[in-house]
Amino acid sequence: LVQAMGMSGISKSQVSKLCEDIDER
């Protein structure tokens, strides 16, 4: 999905780190 948006790929670890922002909510 990220690559389809014209950006470089994203690793599983990066996805997990970004998703940690959900934890607080």
mmCIF file of all heavy atoms, coordinates in Angstrom:
data_MODEL
# 
_entry.id   MODEL 
# 
loop_
_atom_site.group_PDB 
_atom_site.id 
_atom_site.type_symbol 
_atom_site.label_atom_id 
_atom_site.label_alt_id 
_atom_site.label_comp_id 
_atom_site.label_asym_id 
_atom_site.label_entity_id 
_atom_site.label_seq_id 
_atom_site.pdbx_PDB_ins_code 
_atom_site.Cartn_x 
_atom_site.Cartn_y 
_atom_site.Cartn_z 
_atom_site.occupancy 
_atom_site.B_iso_or_equiv 
_atom_site.pdbx_formal_charge 
_atom_site.auth_seq_id 
_atom_site.auth_comp_id 
_atom_site.auth_asym_id 
_atom_site.auth_atom_id 
_atom_site.pdbx_PDB_model_num 
ATOM 1   N N   . LEU A 1 1  ? 0.826  -1.202  0.000  1.00 0.00 ? 1  LEU A N   1 
ATOM 2   C CA  . LEU A 1 1  ? 0.000  0.000   0.000  1.00 0.00 ? 1  LEU A CA  1 
ATOM 3   C C   . LEU A 1 1  ? 0.864  1.258   0.000  1.00 0.00 ? 1  LEU A C   1 
ATOM 4   O O   . LEU A 1 1  ? 0.614  2.204   -0.753 1.00 0.00 ? 1  LEU A O   1 
ATOM 5   C CB  . LEU A 1 1  ? -0.913 -0.012  1.231  1.00 0.00 ? 1  LEU A CB  1 
ATOM 6   C CG  . LEU A 1 1  ? -1.754 1.242   1.495  1.00 0.00 ? 1  LEU A CG  1 
ATOM 7   C CD1 . LEU A 1 1  ? -2.744 1.467   0.367  1.00 0.00 ? 1  LEU A CD1 1 
ATOM 8   C CD2 . LEU A 1 1  ? -2.479 1.129   2.828  1.00 0.00 ? 1  LEU A CD2 1 
ATOM 9   N N   . VAL A 1 2  ? 1.906  1.257   0.815  1.00 0.00 ? 2  VAL A N   1 
ATOM 10  C CA  . VAL A 1 2  ? 2.807  2.409   0.893  1.00 0.00 ? 2  VAL A CA  1 
ATOM 11  C C   . VAL A 1 2  ? 3.487  2.648   -0.455 1.00 0.00 ? 2  VAL A C   1 
ATOM 12  O O   . VAL A 1 2  ? 3.594  3.779   -0.917 1.00 0.00 ? 2  VAL A O   1 
ATOM 13  C CB  . VAL A 1 2  ? 3.846  2.194   2.008  1.00 0.00 ? 2  VAL A CB  1 
ATOM 14  C CG1 . VAL A 1 2  ? 4.917  3.275   1.964  1.00 0.00 ? 2  VAL A CG1 1 
ATOM 15  C CG2 . VAL A 1 2  ? 3.162  2.174   3.361  1.00 0.00 ? 2  VAL A CG2 1 
ATOM 16  N N   . GLN A 1 3  ? 3.938  1.566   -1.088 1.00 0.00 ? 3  GLN A N   1 
ATOM 17  C CA  . GLN A 1 3  ? 4.592  1.718   -2.388 1.00 0.00 ? 3  GLN A CA  1 
ATOM 18  C C   . GLN A 1 3  ? 3.605  2.207   -3.444 1.00 0.00 ? 3  GLN A C   1 
ATOM 19  O O   . GLN A 1 3  ? 3.973  2.972   -4.340 1.00 0.00 ? 3  GLN A O   1 
ATOM 20  C CB  . GLN A 1 3  ? 5.221  0.389   -2.803 1.00 0.00 ? 3  GLN A CB  1 
ATOM 21  C CG  . GLN A 1 3  ? 6.364  -0.046  -1.900 1.00 0.00 ? 3  GLN A CG  1 
ATOM 22  C CD  . GLN A 1 3  ? 7.088  -1.263  -2.438 1.00 0.00 ? 3  GLN A CD  1 
ATOM 23  O OE1 . GLN A 1 3  ? 7.313  -1.382  -3.636 1.00 0.00 ? 3  GLN A OE1 1 
ATOM 24  N NE2 . GLN A 1 3  ? 7.465  -2.168  -1.546 1.00 0.00 ? 3  GLN A NE2 1 
ATOM 25  N N   . ALA A 1 4  ? 2.358  1.771   -3.342 1.00 0.00 ? 4  ALA A N   1 
ATOM 26  C CA  . ALA A 1 4  ? 1.347  2.222   -4.302 1.00 0.00 ? 4  ALA A CA  1 
ATOM 27  C C   . ALA A 1 4  ? 1.080  3.722   -4.170 1.00 0.00 ? 4  ALA A C   1 
ATOM 28  O O   . ALA A 1 4  ? 0.632  4.373   -5.116 1.00 0.00 ? 4  ALA A O   1 
ATOM 29  C CB  . ALA A 1 4  ? 0.048  1.445   -4.097 1.00 0.00 ? 4  ALA A CB  1 
ATOM 30  N N   . MET A 1 5  ? 1.369  4.273   -2.972 1.00 0.00 ? 5  MET A N   1 
ATOM 31  C CA  . MET A 1 5  ? 1.187  5.708   -2.748 1.00 0.00 ? 5  MET A CA  1 
ATOM 32  C C   . MET A 1 5  ? 2.371  6.508   -3.256 1.00 0.00 ? 5  MET A C   1 
ATOM 33  O O   . MET A 1 5  ? 2.434  7.725   -3.071 1.00 0.00 ? 5  MET A O   1 
ATOM 34  C CB  . MET A 1 5  ? 0.973  5.978   -1.256 1.00 0.00 ? 5  MET A CB  1 
ATOM 35  C CG  . MET A 1 5  ? -0.308 5.372   -0.703 1.00 0.00 ? 5  MET A CG  1 
ATOM 36  S SD  . MET A 1 5  ? -0.415 5.471   1.102  1.00 0.00 ? 5  MET A SD  1 
ATOM 37  C CE  . MET A 1 5  ? -0.499 7.244   1.329  1.00 0.00 ? 5  MET A CE  1 
ATOM 38  N N   . GLY A 1 6  ? 3.332  5.818   -3.906 1.00 0.00 ? 6  GLY A N   1 
ATOM 39  C CA  . GLY A 1 6  ? 4.473  6.514   -4.492 1.00 0.00 ? 6  GLY A CA  1 
ATOM 40  C C   . GLY A 1 6  ? 5.623  6.708   -3.540 1.00 0.00 ? 6  GLY A C   1 
ATOM 41  O O   . GLY A 1 6  ? 6.528  7.499   -3.811 1.00 0.00 ? 6  GLY A O   1 
ATOM 42  N N   . MET A 1 7  ? 5.621  5.989   -2.407 1.00 0.00 ? 7  MET A N   1 
ATOM 43  C CA  . MET A 1 7  ? 6.688  6.126   -1.429 1.00 0.00 ? 7  MET A CA  1 
ATOM 44  C C   . MET A 1 7  ? 7.460  4.828   -1.331 1.00 0.00 ? 7  MET A C   1 
ATOM 45  O O   . MET A 1 7  ? 7.025  3.803   -1.836 1.00 0.00 ? 7  MET A O   1 
ATOM 46  C CB  . MET A 1 7  ? 6.102  6.518   -0.078 1.00 0.00 ? 7  MET A CB  1 
ATOM 47  C CG  . MET A 1 7  ? 5.574  7.944   -0.054 1.00 0.00 ? 7  MET A CG  1 
ATOM 48  S SD  . MET A 1 7  ? 4.584  8.278   1.412  1.00 0.00 ? 7  MET A SD  1 
ATOM 49  C CE  . MET A 1 7  ? 2.952  7.918   0.764  1.00 0.00 ? 7  MET A CE  1 
ATOM 50  N N   . SER A 1 8  ? 8.609  4.899   -0.686 1.00 0.00 ? 8  SER A N   1 
ATOM 51  C CA  . SER A 1 8  ? 9.407  3.690   -0.531 1.00 0.00 ? 8  SER A CA  1 
ATOM 52  C C   . SER A 1 8  ? 8.706  2.730   0.410  1.00 0.00 ? 8  SER A C   1 
ATOM 53  O O   . SER A 1 8  ? 7.841  3.114   1.186  1.00 0.00 ? 8  SER A O   1 
ATOM 54  C CB  . SER A 1 8  ? 10.792 4.052   0.019  1.00 0.00 ? 8  SER A CB  1 
ATOM 55  O OG  . SER A 1 8  ? 10.669 4.694   1.271  1.00 0.00 ? 8  SER A OG  1 
ATOM 56  N N   . GLY A 1 9  ? 9.094  1.451   0.347  1.00 0.00 ? 9  GLY A N   1 
ATOM 57  C CA  . GLY A 1 9  ? 8.449  0.435   1.172  1.00 0.00 ? 9  GLY A CA  1 
ATOM 58  C C   . GLY A 1 9  ? 8.706  0.654   2.650  1.00 0.00 ? 9  GLY A C   1 
ATOM 59  O O   . GLY A 1 9  ? 9.529  1.474   3.056  1.00 0.00 ? 9  GLY A O   1 
ATOM 60  N N   . ILE A 1 10 ? 8.000  -0.083  3.452  1.00 0.00 ? 10 ILE A N   1 
ATOM 61  C CA  . ILE A 1 10 ? 8.117  0.052   4.893  1.00 0.00 ? 10 ILE A CA  1 
ATOM 62  C C   . ILE A 1 10 ? 8.193  -1.345  5.498  1.00 0.00 ? 10 ILE A C   1 
ATOM 63  O O   . ILE A 1 10 ? 7.486  -2.253  5.068  1.00 0.00 ? 10 ILE A O   1 
ATOM 64  C CB  . ILE A 1 10 ? 6.915  0.840   5.465  1.00 0.00 ? 10 ILE A CB  1 
ATOM 65  C CG1 . ILE A 1 10 ? 7.112  1.120   6.949  1.00 0.00 ? 10 ILE A CG1 1 
ATOM 66  C CG2 . ILE A 1 10 ? 5.603  0.129   5.220  1.00 0.00 ? 10 ILE A CG2 1 
ATOM 67  C CD1 . ILE A 1 10 ? 6.134  2.164   7.476  1.00 0.00 ? 10 ILE A CD1 1 
ATOM 68  N N   . SER A 1 11 ? 9.090  -1.529  6.444  1.00 0.00 ? 11 SER A N   1 
ATOM 69  C CA  . SER A 1 11 ? 9.315  -2.847  7.006  1.00 0.00 ? 11 SER A CA  1 
ATOM 70  C C   . SER A 1 11 ? 8.275  -3.183  8.062  1.00 0.00 ? 11 SER A C   1 
ATOM 71  O O   . SER A 1 11 ? 7.558  -2.312  8.545  1.00 0.00 ? 11 SER A O   1 
ATOM 72  C CB  . SER A 1 11 ? 10.714 -2.909  7.644  1.00 0.00 ? 11 SER A CB  1 
ATOM 73  O OG  . SER A 1 11 ? 10.762 -2.075  8.787  1.00 0.00 ? 11 SER A OG  1 
ATOM 74  N N   . LYS A 1 12 ? 8.234  -4.466  8.436  1.00 0.00 ? 12 LYS A N   1 
ATOM 75  C CA  . LYS A 1 12 ? 7.296  -4.892  9.475  1.00 0.00 ? 12 LYS A CA  1 
ATOM 76  C C   . LYS A 1 12 ? 7.583  -4.188  10.790 1.00 0.00 ? 12 LYS A C   1 
ATOM 77  O O   . LYS A 1 12 ? 6.666  -3.793  11.510 1.00 0.00 ? 12 LYS A O   1 
ATOM 78  C CB  . LYS A 1 12 ? 7.378  -6.403  9.660  1.00 0.00 ? 12 LYS A CB  1 
ATOM 79  C CG  . LYS A 1 12 ? 6.793  -7.214  8.520  1.00 0.00 ? 12 LYS A CG  1 
ATOM 80  C CD  . LYS A 1 12 ? 6.767  -8.687  8.873  1.00 0.00 ? 12 LYS A CD  1 
ATOM 81  C CE  . LYS A 1 12 ? 6.108  -9.502  7.769  1.00 0.00 ? 12 LYS A CE  1 
ATOM 82  N NZ  . LYS A 1 12 ? 5.993  -10.927 8.119  1.00 0.00 ? 12 LYS A NZ  1 
ATOM 83  N N   . SER A 1 13 ? 8.875  -4.027  11.104 1.00 0.00 ? 13 SER A N   1 
ATOM 84  C CA  . SER A 1 13 ? 9.221  -3.379  12.368 1.00 0.00 ? 13 SER A CA  1 
ATOM 85  C C   . SER A 1 13 ? 8.790  -1.915  12.364 1.00 0.00 ? 13 SER A C   1 
ATOM 86  O O   . SER A 1 13 ? 8.328  -1.382  13.379 1.00 0.00 ? 13 SER A O   1 
ATOM 87  C CB  . SER A 1 13 ? 10.724 -3.473  12.620 1.00 0.00 ? 13 SER A CB  1 
ATOM 88  O OG  . SER A 1 13 ? 11.453 -2.831  11.585 1.00 0.00 ? 13 SER A OG  1 
ATOM 89  N N   . GLN A 1 14 ? 8.899  -1.252  11.209 1.00 0.00 ? 14 GLN A N   1 
ATOM 90  C CA  . GLN A 1 14 ? 8.473  0.136   11.114 1.00 0.00 ? 14 GLN A CA  1 
ATOM 91  C C   . GLN A 1 14 ? 6.960  0.263   11.265 1.00 0.00 ? 14 GLN A C   1 
ATOM 92  O O   . GLN A 1 14 ? 6.465  1.186   11.908 1.00 0.00 ? 14 GLN A O   1 
ATOM 93  C CB  . GLN A 1 14 ? 8.927  0.731   9.775  1.00 0.00 ? 14 GLN A CB  1 
ATOM 94  C CG  . GLN A 1 14 ? 10.419 0.961   9.685  1.00 0.00 ? 14 GLN A CG  1 
ATOM 95  C CD  . GLN A 1 14 ? 10.843 1.378   8.291  1.00 0.00 ? 14 GLN A CD  1 
ATOM 96  O OE1 . GLN A 1 14 ? 10.403 0.819   7.297  1.00 0.00 ? 14 GLN A OE1 1 
ATOM 97  N NE2 . GLN A 1 14 ? 11.701 2.373   8.221  1.00 0.00 ? 14 GLN A NE2 1 
ATOM 98  N N   . VAL A 1 15 ? 6.236  -0.677  10.651 1.00 0.00 ? 15 VAL A N   1 
ATOM 99  C CA  . VAL A 1 15 ? 4.774  -0.667  10.800 1.00 0.00 ? 15 VAL A CA  1 
ATOM 100 C C   . VAL A 1 15 ? 4.403  -0.821  12.268 1.00 0.00 ? 15 VAL A C   1 
ATOM 101 O O   . VAL A 1 15 ? 3.556  -0.095  12.790 1.00 0.00 ? 15 VAL A O   1 
ATOM 102 C CB  . VAL A 1 15 ? 4.134  -1.799  9.969  1.00 0.00 ? 15 VAL A CB  1 
ATOM 103 C CG1 . VAL A 1 15 ? 2.656  -1.919  10.294 1.00 0.00 ? 15 VAL A CG1 1 
ATOM 104 C CG2 . VAL A 1 15 ? 4.318  -1.536  8.478  1.00 0.00 ? 15 VAL A CG2 1 
ATOM 105 N N   . SER A 1 16 ? 5.056  -1.747  12.944 1.00 0.00 ? 16 SER A N   1 
ATOM 106 C CA  . SER A 1 16 ? 4.744  -1.984  14.349 1.00 0.00 ? 16 SER A CA  1 
ATOM 107 C C   . SER A 1 16 ? 5.037  -0.756  15.198 1.00 0.00 ? 16 SER A C   1 
ATOM 108 O O   . SER A 1 16 ? 4.270  -0.412  16.098 1.00 0.00 ? 16 SER A O   1 
ATOM 109 C CB  . SER A 1 16 ? 5.537  -3.186  14.867 1.00 0.00 ? 16 SER A CB  1 
ATOM 110 O OG  . SER A 1 16 ? 5.154  -4.358  14.186 1.00 0.00 ? 16 SER A OG  1 
ATOM 111 N N   . LYS A 1 17 ? 6.169  -0.080  14.913 1.00 0.00 ? 17 LYS A N   1 
ATOM 112 C CA  . LYS A 1 17 ? 6.501  1.122   15.681 1.00 0.00 ? 17 LYS A CA  1 
ATOM 113 C C   . LYS A 1 17 ? 5.476  2.228   15.456 1.00 0.00 ? 17 LYS A C   1 
ATOM 114 O O   . LYS A 1 17 ? 5.075  2.925   16.383 1.00 0.00 ? 17 LYS A O   1 
ATOM 115 C CB  . LYS A 1 17 ? 7.902  1.610   15.290 1.00 0.00 ? 17 LYS A CB  1 
ATOM 116 C CG  . LYS A 1 17 ? 9.022  0.725   15.812 1.00 0.00 ? 17 LYS A CG  1 
ATOM 117 C CD  . LYS A 1 17 ? 10.379 1.249   15.390 1.00 0.00 ? 17 LYS A CD  1 
ATOM 118 C CE  . LYS A 1 17 ? 11.486 0.343   15.914 1.00 0.00 ? 17 LYS A CE  1 
ATOM 119 N NZ  . LYS A 1 17 ? 12.834 0.810   15.478 1.00 0.00 ? 17 LYS A NZ  1 
ATOM 120 N N   . LEU A 1 18 ? 5.060  2.385   14.202 1.00 0.00 ? 18 LEU A N   1 
ATOM 121 C CA  . LEU A 1 18 ? 4.059  3.405   13.909 1.00 0.00 ? 18 LEU A CA  1 
ATOM 122 C C   . LEU A 1 18 ? 2.734  3.088   14.591 1.00 0.00 ? 18 LEU A C   1 
ATOM 123 O O   . LEU A 1 18 ? 2.032  3.968   15.092 1.00 0.00 ? 18 LEU A O   1 
ATOM 124 C CB  . LEU A 1 18 ? 3.858  3.513   12.392 1.00 0.00 ? 18 LEU A CB  1 
ATOM 125 C CG  . LEU A 1 18 ? 5.008  4.156   11.614 1.00 0.00 ? 18 LEU A CG  1 
ATOM 126 C CD1 . LEU A 1 18 ? 4.771  3.994   10.116 1.00 0.00 ? 18 LEU A CD1 1 
ATOM 127 C CD2 . LEU A 1 18 ? 5.147  5.624   11.948 1.00 0.00 ? 18 LEU A CD2 1 
ATOM 128 N N   . CYS A 1 19 ? 2.403  1.797   14.618 1.00 0.00 ? 19 CYS A N   1 
ATOM 129 C CA  . CYS A 1 19 ? 1.123  1.390   15.192 1.00 0.00 ? 19 CYS A CA  1 
ATOM 130 C C   . CYS A 1 19 ? 1.110  1.456   16.709 1.00 0.00 ? 19 CYS A C   1 
ATOM 131 O O   . CYS A 1 19 ? 0.044  1.378   17.325 1.00 0.00 ? 19 CYS A O   1 
ATOM 132 C CB  . CYS A 1 19 ? 0.763  -0.025  14.735 1.00 0.00 ? 19 CYS A CB  1 
ATOM 133 S SG  . CYS A 1 19 ? 0.337  -0.109  12.983 1.00 0.00 ? 19 CYS A SG  1 
ATOM 134 N N   . GLU A 1 20 ? 2.282  1.600   17.320 1.00 0.00 ? 20 GLU A N   1 
ATOM 135 C CA  . GLU A 1 20 ? 2.318  1.727   18.772 1.00 0.00 ? 20 GLU A CA  1 
ATOM 136 C C   . GLU A 1 20 ? 1.612  3.000   19.235 1.00 0.00 ? 20 GLU A C   1 
ATOM 137 O O   . GLU A 1 20 ? 1.225  3.111   20.400 1.00 0.00 ? 20 GLU A O   1 
ATOM 138 C CB  . GLU A 1 20 ? 3.758  1.699   19.266 1.00 0.00 ? 20 GLU A CB  1 
ATOM 139 C CG  . GLU A 1 20 ? 4.375  0.302   19.205 1.00 0.00 ? 20 GLU A CG  1 
ATOM 140 C CD  . GLU A 1 20 ? 5.845  0.299   19.566 1.00 0.00 ? 20 GLU A CD  1 
ATOM 141 O OE1 . GLU A 1 20 ? 6.366  1.386   19.895 1.00 0.00 ? 20 GLU A OE1 1 
ATOM 142 O OE2 . GLU A 1 20 ? 6.458  -0.774  19.517 1.00 0.00 ? 20 GLU A OE2 1 
ATOM 143 N N   . ASP A 1 21 ? 1.449  3.959   18.329 1.00 0.00 ? 21 ASP A N   1 
ATOM 144 C CA  . ASP A 1 21 ? 0.720  5.180   18.683 1.00 0.00 ? 21 ASP A CA  1 
ATOM 145 C C   . ASP A 1 21 ? -0.734 4.876   19.016 1.00 0.00 ? 21 ASP A C   1 
ATOM 146 O O   . ASP A 1 21 ? -1.401 5.645   19.709 1.00 0.00 ? 21 ASP A O   1 
ATOM 147 C CB  . ASP A 1 21 ? 0.786  6.192   17.529 1.00 0.00 ? 21 ASP A CB  1 
ATOM 148 C CG  . ASP A 1 21 ? 2.192  6.733   17.319 1.00 0.00 ? 21 ASP A CG  1 
ATOM 149 O OD1 . ASP A 1 21 ? 2.996  6.642   18.273 1.00 0.00 ? 21 ASP A OD1 1 
ATOM 150 O OD2 . ASP A 1 21 ? 2.481  7.237   16.221 1.00 0.00 ? 21 ASP A OD2 1 
ATOM 151 N N   . ILE A 1 22 ? -1.235 3.764   18.512 1.00 0.00 ? 22 ILE A N   1 
ATOM 152 C CA  . ILE A 1 22 ? -2.618 3.388   18.801 1.00 0.00 ? 22 ILE A CA  1 
ATOM 153 C C   . ILE A 1 22 ? -2.752 2.944   20.256 1.00 0.00 ? 22 ILE A C   1 
ATOM 154 O O   . ILE A 1 22 ? -3.819 3.069   20.857 1.00 0.00 ? 22 ILE A O   1 
ATOM 155 C CB  . ILE A 1 22 ? -3.064 2.237   17.869 1.00 0.00 ? 22 ILE A CB  1 
ATOM 156 C CG1 . ILE A 1 22 ? -2.914 2.641   16.405 1.00 0.00 ? 22 ILE A CG1 1 
ATOM 157 C CG2 . ILE A 1 22 ? -4.499 1.823   18.163 1.00 0.00 ? 22 ILE A CG2 1 
ATOM 158 C CD1 . ILE A 1 22 ? -3.225 1.525   15.434 1.00 0.00 ? 22 ILE A CD1 1 
ATOM 159 N N   . ASP A 1 23 ? -1.660 2.437   20.828 1.00 0.00 ? 23 ASP A N   1 
ATOM 160 C CA  . ASP A 1 23 ? -1.723 1.843   22.163 1.00 0.00 ? 23 ASP A CA  1 
ATOM 161 C C   . ASP A 1 23 ? -2.297 2.789   23.205 1.00 0.00 ? 23 ASP A C   1 
ATOM 162 O O   . ASP A 1 23 ? -3.070 2.369   24.071 1.00 0.00 ? 23 ASP A O   1 
ATOM 163 C CB  . ASP A 1 23 ? -0.338 1.372   22.598 1.00 0.00 ? 23 ASP A CB  1 
ATOM 164 C CG  . ASP A 1 23 ? 0.134  0.158   21.821 1.00 0.00 ? 23 ASP A CG  1 
ATOM 165 O OD1 . ASP A 1 23 ? -0.708 -0.447  21.124 1.00 0.00 ? 23 ASP A OD1 1 
ATOM 166 O OD2 . ASP A 1 23 ? 1.323  -0.171  21.882 1.00 0.00 ? 23 ASP A OD2 1 
ATOM 167 N N   . GLU A 1 24 ? -1.899 4.045   23.146 1.00 0.00 ? 24 GLU A N   1 
ATOM 168 C CA  . GLU A 1 24 ? -2.362 5.002   24.156 1.00 0.00 ? 24 GLU A CA  1 
ATOM 169 C C   . GLU A 1 24 ? -3.879 5.122   24.132 1.00 0.00 ? 24 GLU A C   1 
ATOM 170 O O   . GLU A 1 24 ? -4.533 5.098   25.184 1.00 0.00 ? 24 GLU A O   1 
ATOM 171 C CB  . GLU A 1 24 ? -1.717 6.363   23.920 1.00 0.00 ? 24 GLU A CB  1 
ATOM 172 C CG  . GLU A 1 24 ? -2.101 7.394   24.981 1.00 0.00 ? 24 GLU A CG  1 
ATOM 173 C CD  . GLU A 1 24 ? -1.396 8.723   24.785 1.00 0.00 ? 24 GLU A CD  1 
ATOM 174 O OE1 . GLU A 1 24 ? -0.530 8.826   23.883 1.00 0.00 ? 24 GLU A OE1 1 
ATOM 175 O OE2 . GLU A 1 24 ? -1.708 9.671   25.526 1.00 0.00 ? 24 GLU A OE2 1 
ATOM 176 N N   . ARG A 1 25 ? -4.453 5.216   22.915 1.00 0.00 ? 25 ARG A N   1 
ATOM 177 C CA  . ARG A 1 25 ? -5.913 5.328   22.811 1.00 0.00 ? 25 ARG A CA  1 
ATOM 178 C C   . ARG A 1 25 ? -6.594 4.033   23.240 1.00 0.00 ? 25 ARG A C   1 
ATOM 179 O O   . ARG A 1 25 ? -7.603 4.062   23.955 1.00 0.00 ? 25 ARG A O   1 
ATOM 180 C CB  . ARG A 1 25 ? -6.303 5.666   21.373 1.00 0.00 ? 25 ARG A CB  1 
ATOM 181 C CG  . ARG A 1 25 ? -6.072 7.119   20.988 1.00 0.00 ? 25 ARG A CG  1 
ATOM 182 C CD  . ARG A 1 25 ? -6.388 7.333   19.515 1.00 0.00 ? 25 ARG A CD  1 
ATOM 183 N NE  . ARG A 1 25 ? -5.356 6.775   18.661 1.00 0.00 ? 25 ARG A NE  1 
ATOM 184 C CZ  . ARG A 1 25 ? -5.514 6.518   17.373 1.00 0.00 ? 25 ARG A CZ  1 
ATOM 185 N NH1 . ARG A 1 25 ? -6.683 6.711   16.806 1.00 0.00 ? 25 ARG A NH1 1 
ATOM 186 N NH2 . ARG A 1 25 ? -4.520 6.042   16.655 1.00 0.00 ? 25 ARG A NH2 1 
# 
